[in-house]
Amino acid sequence: MSKNPFVNALAAMAYITVVASVLYYGSKAITPVDGVIIPISFLSLFVLSAALMGYFSLYQPIQLFLADRQKEATWLFLTTVAIFACITGAMVLILLHDSITI
């Protein structure tokens, strides 16, 4: 990925946004399907998401760590996680603000 924690966090949020949008709008566009394909699809999506999120947040820090740049690796990982947490917190605050009725 990138050595820029903002790019890594935004890439993760973009992936989540695309998946959530497809699930939200896709469920409105197709008819319900019964069978084993639904759990298989969701487990496959879970595994794919875990792999991509690991790539977005861990690839460069591991590369730096293996290159004996442990401080930079730790800083990049923790900064990426912190920025992602701030983006997530902002989304939660927006959701809470929109759900409060006065």
N, C-alpha and C. Protein backbone atom coordinates (compact mmCIF):
# COMPACT_ATOMS: atom_id res chain seq x y z
N MET A 1 0.85 -1.18 0.00
CA MET A 1 0.00 0.00 0.00
C MET A 1 0.89 1.23 0.00
N SER A 2 0.61 2.18 0.84
CA SER A 2 1.32 3.45 0.84
C SER A 2 2.00 3.67 2.19
N LYS A 3 2.98 4.54 2.20
CA LYS A 3 3.60 4.91 3.47
C LYS A 3 2.89 6.12 4.07
N ASN A 4 1.81 6.54 3.45
CA ASN A 4 1.00 7.64 3.95
C ASN A 4 -0.19 7.06 4.71
N PRO A 5 -0.28 7.27 6.04
CA PRO A 5 -1.37 6.67 6.81
C PRO A 5 -2.75 7.17 6.40
N PHE A 6 -2.83 8.42 5.89
CA PHE A 6 -4.12 8.93 5.44
C PHE A 6 -4.62 8.15 4.22
N VAL A 7 -3.72 7.86 3.30
CA VAL A 7 -4.09 7.09 2.11
C VAL A 7 -4.55 5.69 2.52
N ASN A 8 -3.84 5.06 3.44
CA ASN A 8 -4.20 3.71 3.89
C ASN A 8 -5.57 3.71 4.56
N ALA A 9 -5.81 4.67 5.45
CA ALA A 9 -7.10 4.74 6.15
C ALA A 9 -8.23 5.06 5.19
N LEU A 10 -7.99 5.97 4.25
CA LEU A 10 -9.02 6.31 3.28
C LEU A 10 -9.30 5.16 2.32
N ALA A 11 -8.27 4.39 1.97
CA ALA A 11 -8.49 3.21 1.12
C ALA A 11 -9.37 2.19 1.84
N ALA A 12 -9.12 2.00 3.13
CA ALA A 12 -9.94 1.07 3.91
C ALA A 12 -11.38 1.57 3.98
N MET A 13 -11.56 2.87 4.22
CA MET A 13 -12.92 3.42 4.30
C MET A 13 -13.61 3.36 2.95
N ALA A 14 -12.88 3.57 1.87
CA ALA A 14 -13.47 3.48 0.53
C ALA A 14 -13.95 2.05 0.26
N TYR A 15 -13.13 1.07 0.62
CA TYR A 15 -13.53 -0.32 0.43
C TYR A 15 -14.80 -0.63 1.23
N ILE A 16 -14.84 -0.20 2.47
CA ILE A 16 -16.02 -0.44 3.32
C ILE A 16 -17.25 0.25 2.72
N THR A 17 -17.07 1.46 2.22
CA THR A 17 -18.19 2.19 1.63
C THR A 17 -18.73 1.48 0.40
N VAL A 18 -17.84 0.97 -0.44
CA VAL A 18 -18.28 0.25 -1.65
C VAL A 18 -19.03 -1.02 -1.26
N VAL A 19 -18.48 -1.79 -0.34
CA VAL A 19 -19.13 -3.04 0.07
C VAL A 19 -20.49 -2.76 0.71
N ALA A 20 -20.55 -1.78 1.60
CA ALA A 20 -21.82 -1.46 2.26
C ALA A 20 -22.85 -0.96 1.26
N SER A 21 -22.42 -0.17 0.30
CA SER A 21 -23.35 0.34 -0.72
C SER A 21 -23.89 -0.78 -1.59
N VAL A 22 -23.00 -1.69 -1.99
CA VAL A 22 -23.45 -2.82 -2.80
C VAL A 22 -24.43 -3.68 -2.02
N LEU A 23 -24.14 -3.93 -0.75
CA LEU A 23 -25.06 -4.74 0.05
C LEU A 23 -26.40 -4.03 0.25
N TYR A 24 -26.35 -2.72 0.50
CA TYR A 24 -27.58 -1.97 0.75
C TYR A 24 -28.44 -1.87 -0.51
N TYR A 25 -27.84 -1.37 -1.59
CA TYR A 25 -28.61 -1.17 -2.82
C TYR A 25 -28.84 -2.47 -3.57
N GLY A 26 -27.93 -3.41 -3.46
CA GLY A 26 -28.10 -4.70 -4.12
C GLY A 26 -29.26 -5.49 -3.55
N SER A 27 -29.45 -5.40 -2.23
CA SER A 27 -30.56 -6.14 -1.62
C SER A 27 -31.90 -5.58 -2.06
N LYS A 28 -31.96 -4.34 -2.47
CA LYS A 28 -33.21 -3.75 -2.95
C LYS A 28 -33.46 -4.10 -4.41
N ALA A 29 -32.41 -4.43 -5.14
CA ALA A 29 -32.53 -4.66 -6.58
C ALA A 29 -32.78 -6.11 -6.95
N ILE A 30 -32.48 -7.04 -6.04
CA ILE A 30 -32.65 -8.46 -6.38
C ILE A 30 -33.69 -9.09 -5.46
N THR A 31 -34.19 -10.20 -5.90
CA THR A 31 -35.16 -10.93 -5.09
C THR A 31 -34.41 -11.80 -4.08
N PRO A 32 -35.01 -12.06 -2.92
CA PRO A 32 -34.35 -12.90 -1.92
C PRO A 32 -34.04 -14.29 -2.46
N VAL A 33 -32.90 -14.82 -2.04
CA VAL A 33 -32.47 -16.15 -2.47
C VAL A 33 -32.30 -17.01 -1.23
N ASP A 34 -32.89 -18.18 -1.24
CA ASP A 34 -32.71 -19.14 -0.16
C ASP A 34 -31.67 -20.16 -0.58
N GLY A 35 -30.96 -20.67 0.39
CA GLY A 35 -29.99 -21.71 0.09
C GLY A 35 -28.66 -21.45 0.73
N VAL A 36 -27.73 -22.31 0.44
CA VAL A 36 -26.42 -22.28 1.06
C VAL A 36 -25.53 -21.19 0.45
N ILE A 37 -25.92 -20.66 -0.69
CA ILE A 37 -25.08 -19.66 -1.35
C ILE A 37 -24.96 -18.37 -0.54
N ILE A 38 -25.96 -18.01 0.25
CA ILE A 38 -25.91 -16.78 1.05
C ILE A 38 -24.83 -16.88 2.12
N PRO A 39 -24.81 -17.92 2.97
CA PRO A 39 -23.73 -17.99 3.95
C PRO A 39 -22.34 -18.13 3.32
N ILE A 40 -22.25 -18.83 2.20
CA ILE A 40 -20.97 -18.96 1.51
C ILE A 40 -20.51 -17.59 1.03
N SER A 41 -21.42 -16.83 0.46
CA SER A 41 -21.08 -15.49 -0.04
C SER A 41 -20.62 -14.58 1.09
N PHE A 42 -21.33 -14.59 2.21
CA PHE A 42 -20.96 -13.70 3.30
C PHE A 42 -19.65 -14.12 3.97
N LEU A 43 -19.41 -15.40 4.10
CA LEU A 43 -18.13 -15.84 4.65
C LEU A 43 -16.99 -15.51 3.70
N SER A 44 -17.23 -15.65 2.41
CA SER A 44 -16.21 -15.28 1.43
C SER A 44 -15.94 -13.78 1.47
N LEU A 45 -16.98 -12.98 1.60
CA LEU A 45 -16.81 -11.53 1.72
C LEU A 45 -16.05 -11.19 2.99
N PHE A 46 -16.32 -11.88 4.08
CA PHE A 46 -15.61 -11.66 5.34
C PHE A 46 -14.11 -11.95 5.19
N VAL A 47 -13.78 -13.06 4.56
CA VAL A 47 -12.38 -13.42 4.35
C VAL A 47 -11.70 -12.42 3.43
N LEU A 48 -12.37 -12.04 2.34
CA LEU A 48 -11.82 -11.04 1.44
C LEU A 48 -11.60 -9.71 2.16
N SER A 49 -12.56 -9.31 2.98
CA SER A 49 -12.43 -8.06 3.72
C SER A 49 -11.27 -8.11 4.71
N ALA A 50 -11.12 -9.21 5.41
CA ALA A 50 -10.00 -9.35 6.34
C ALA A 50 -8.66 -9.25 5.61
N ALA A 51 -8.58 -9.88 4.45
CA ALA A 51 -7.33 -9.83 3.67
C ALA A 51 -7.05 -8.41 3.19
N LEU A 52 -8.05 -7.74 2.66
CA LEU A 52 -7.83 -6.39 2.16
C LEU A 52 -7.54 -5.40 3.28
N MET A 53 -8.23 -5.51 4.38
CA MET A 53 -7.97 -4.61 5.51
C MET A 53 -6.57 -4.87 6.06
N GLY A 54 -6.14 -6.11 6.10
CA GLY A 54 -4.77 -6.41 6.51
C GLY A 54 -3.77 -5.80 5.55
N TYR A 55 -4.07 -5.87 4.28
CA TYR A 55 -3.17 -5.27 3.27
C TYR A 55 -3.12 -3.76 3.45
N PHE A 56 -4.28 -3.12 3.61
CA PHE A 56 -4.32 -1.66 3.75
C PHE A 56 -3.55 -1.18 4.98
N SER A 57 -3.63 -1.93 6.08
CA SER A 57 -3.05 -1.44 7.32
C SER A 57 -1.73 -2.10 7.71
N LEU A 58 -1.40 -3.27 7.17
CA LEU A 58 -0.23 -4.01 7.63
C LEU A 58 0.90 -4.18 6.61
N TYR A 59 0.63 -4.09 5.34
CA TYR A 59 1.65 -4.41 4.34
C TYR A 59 2.90 -3.54 4.49
N GLN A 60 2.74 -2.24 4.45
CA GLN A 60 3.90 -1.36 4.55
C GLN A 60 4.57 -1.45 5.92
N PRO A 61 3.81 -1.47 7.04
CA PRO A 61 4.49 -1.62 8.33
C PRO A 61 5.32 -2.90 8.42
N ILE A 62 4.83 -4.00 7.87
CA ILE A 62 5.61 -5.24 7.90
C ILE A 62 6.86 -5.10 7.04
N GLN A 63 6.71 -4.46 5.87
CA GLN A 63 7.88 -4.24 5.02
C GLN A 63 8.93 -3.40 5.74
N LEU A 64 8.49 -2.36 6.42
CA LEU A 64 9.41 -1.51 7.18
C LEU A 64 10.05 -2.27 8.33
N PHE A 65 9.24 -3.06 9.01
CA PHE A 65 9.74 -3.84 10.14
C PHE A 65 10.82 -4.82 9.68
N LEU A 66 10.58 -5.49 8.58
CA LEU A 66 11.55 -6.44 8.05
C LEU A 66 12.81 -5.76 7.53
N ALA A 67 12.72 -4.47 7.23
CA ALA A 67 13.88 -3.70 6.79
C ALA A 67 14.58 -3.04 7.98
N ASP A 68 14.33 -3.53 9.18
CA ASP A 68 14.93 -3.01 10.42
C ASP A 68 14.61 -1.55 10.67
N ARG A 69 13.40 -1.17 10.34
CA ARG A 69 12.92 0.19 10.62
C ARG A 69 11.69 0.09 11.52
N GLN A 70 11.89 -0.49 12.72
CA GLN A 70 10.80 -0.80 13.62
C GLN A 70 10.03 0.43 14.09
N LYS A 71 10.74 1.51 14.40
CA LYS A 71 10.05 2.72 14.88
C LYS A 71 9.13 3.28 13.80
N GLU A 72 9.63 3.34 12.58
CA GLU A 72 8.81 3.84 11.48
C GLU A 72 7.63 2.91 11.21
N ALA A 73 7.86 1.61 11.31
CA ALA A 73 6.78 0.63 11.10
C ALA A 73 5.69 0.80 12.15
N THR A 74 6.10 0.94 13.40
CA THR A 74 5.13 1.12 14.49
C THR A 74 4.36 2.41 14.31
N TRP A 75 5.09 3.50 13.98
CA TRP A 75 4.43 4.79 13.79
C TRP A 75 3.41 4.71 12.66
N LEU A 76 3.78 4.11 11.53
CA LEU A 76 2.87 4.02 10.38
C LEU A 76 1.63 3.21 10.74
N PHE A 77 1.81 2.07 11.39
CA PHE A 77 0.66 1.24 11.74
C PHE A 77 -0.27 1.96 12.71
N LEU A 78 0.30 2.50 13.79
CA LEU A 78 -0.54 3.16 14.80
C LEU A 78 -1.20 4.42 14.26
N THR A 79 -0.51 5.16 13.41
CA THR A 79 -1.10 6.35 12.81
C THR A 79 -2.24 5.97 11.87
N THR A 80 -2.05 4.93 11.08
CA THR A 80 -3.11 4.47 10.19
C THR A 80 -4.34 4.05 10.99
N VAL A 81 -4.13 3.30 12.05
CA VAL A 81 -5.25 2.86 12.89
C VAL A 81 -5.92 4.06 13.55
N ALA A 82 -5.13 5.02 14.03
CA ALA A 82 -5.70 6.20 14.67
C ALA A 82 -6.54 7.02 13.69
N ILE A 83 -6.04 7.20 12.48
CA ILE A 83 -6.79 7.96 11.47
C ILE A 83 -8.07 7.22 11.11
N PHE A 84 -7.97 5.91 10.95
CA PHE A 84 -9.17 5.11 10.66
C PHE A 84 -10.17 5.21 11.81
N ALA A 85 -9.68 5.20 13.05
CA ALA A 85 -10.57 5.34 14.21
C ALA A 85 -11.24 6.70 14.20
N CYS A 86 -10.51 7.75 13.83
CA CYS A 86 -11.11 9.09 13.76
C CYS A 86 -12.19 9.16 12.69
N ILE A 87 -11.93 8.57 11.54
CA ILE A 87 -12.93 8.54 10.46
C ILE A 87 -14.17 7.77 10.93
N THR A 88 -13.95 6.63 11.58
CA THR A 88 -15.05 5.83 12.09
C THR A 88 -15.83 6.61 13.15
N GLY A 89 -15.12 7.27 14.05
CA GLY A 89 -15.77 8.08 15.08
C GLY A 89 -16.60 9.20 14.47
N ALA A 90 -16.07 9.83 13.44
CA ALA A 90 -16.83 10.89 12.76
C ALA A 90 -18.11 10.33 12.14
N MET A 91 -18.01 9.14 11.55
CA MET A 91 -19.20 8.51 10.97
C MET A 91 -20.25 8.21 12.05
N VAL A 92 -19.79 7.73 13.20
CA VAL A 92 -20.71 7.43 14.31
C VAL A 92 -21.35 8.72 14.81
N LEU A 93 -20.57 9.78 14.94
CA LEU A 93 -21.12 11.06 15.39
C LEU A 93 -22.16 11.59 14.40
N ILE A 94 -21.90 11.45 13.11
CA ILE A 94 -22.88 11.87 12.11
C ILE A 94 -24.15 11.05 12.26
N LEU A 95 -24.00 9.76 12.44
CA LEU A 95 -25.16 8.88 12.61
C LEU A 95 -25.95 9.26 13.85
N LEU A 96 -25.24 9.49 14.97
CA LEU A 96 -25.92 9.89 16.20
C LEU A 96 -26.61 11.25 16.05
N HIS A 97 -25.95 12.17 15.40
CA HIS A 97 -26.54 13.50 15.19
C HIS A 97 -27.81 13.40 14.36
N ASP A 98 -27.78 12.57 13.32
CA ASP A 98 -28.95 12.41 12.47
C ASP A 98 -30.08 11.67 13.15
N SER A 99 -29.76 10.84 14.16
CA SER A 99 -30.81 10.05 14.80
C SER A 99 -31.46 10.77 15.97
N ILE A 100 -30.86 11.86 16.43
CA ILE A 100 -31.44 12.61 17.54
C ILE A 100 -32.57 13.48 17.02
N THR A 101 -33.72 13.33 17.63
CA THR A 101 -34.87 14.13 17.23
C THR A 101 -35.17 15.14 18.34
N ILE A 102 -35.34 16.36 17.92
CA ILE A 102 -35.60 17.43 18.90
C ILE A 102 -37.04 17.85 18.79
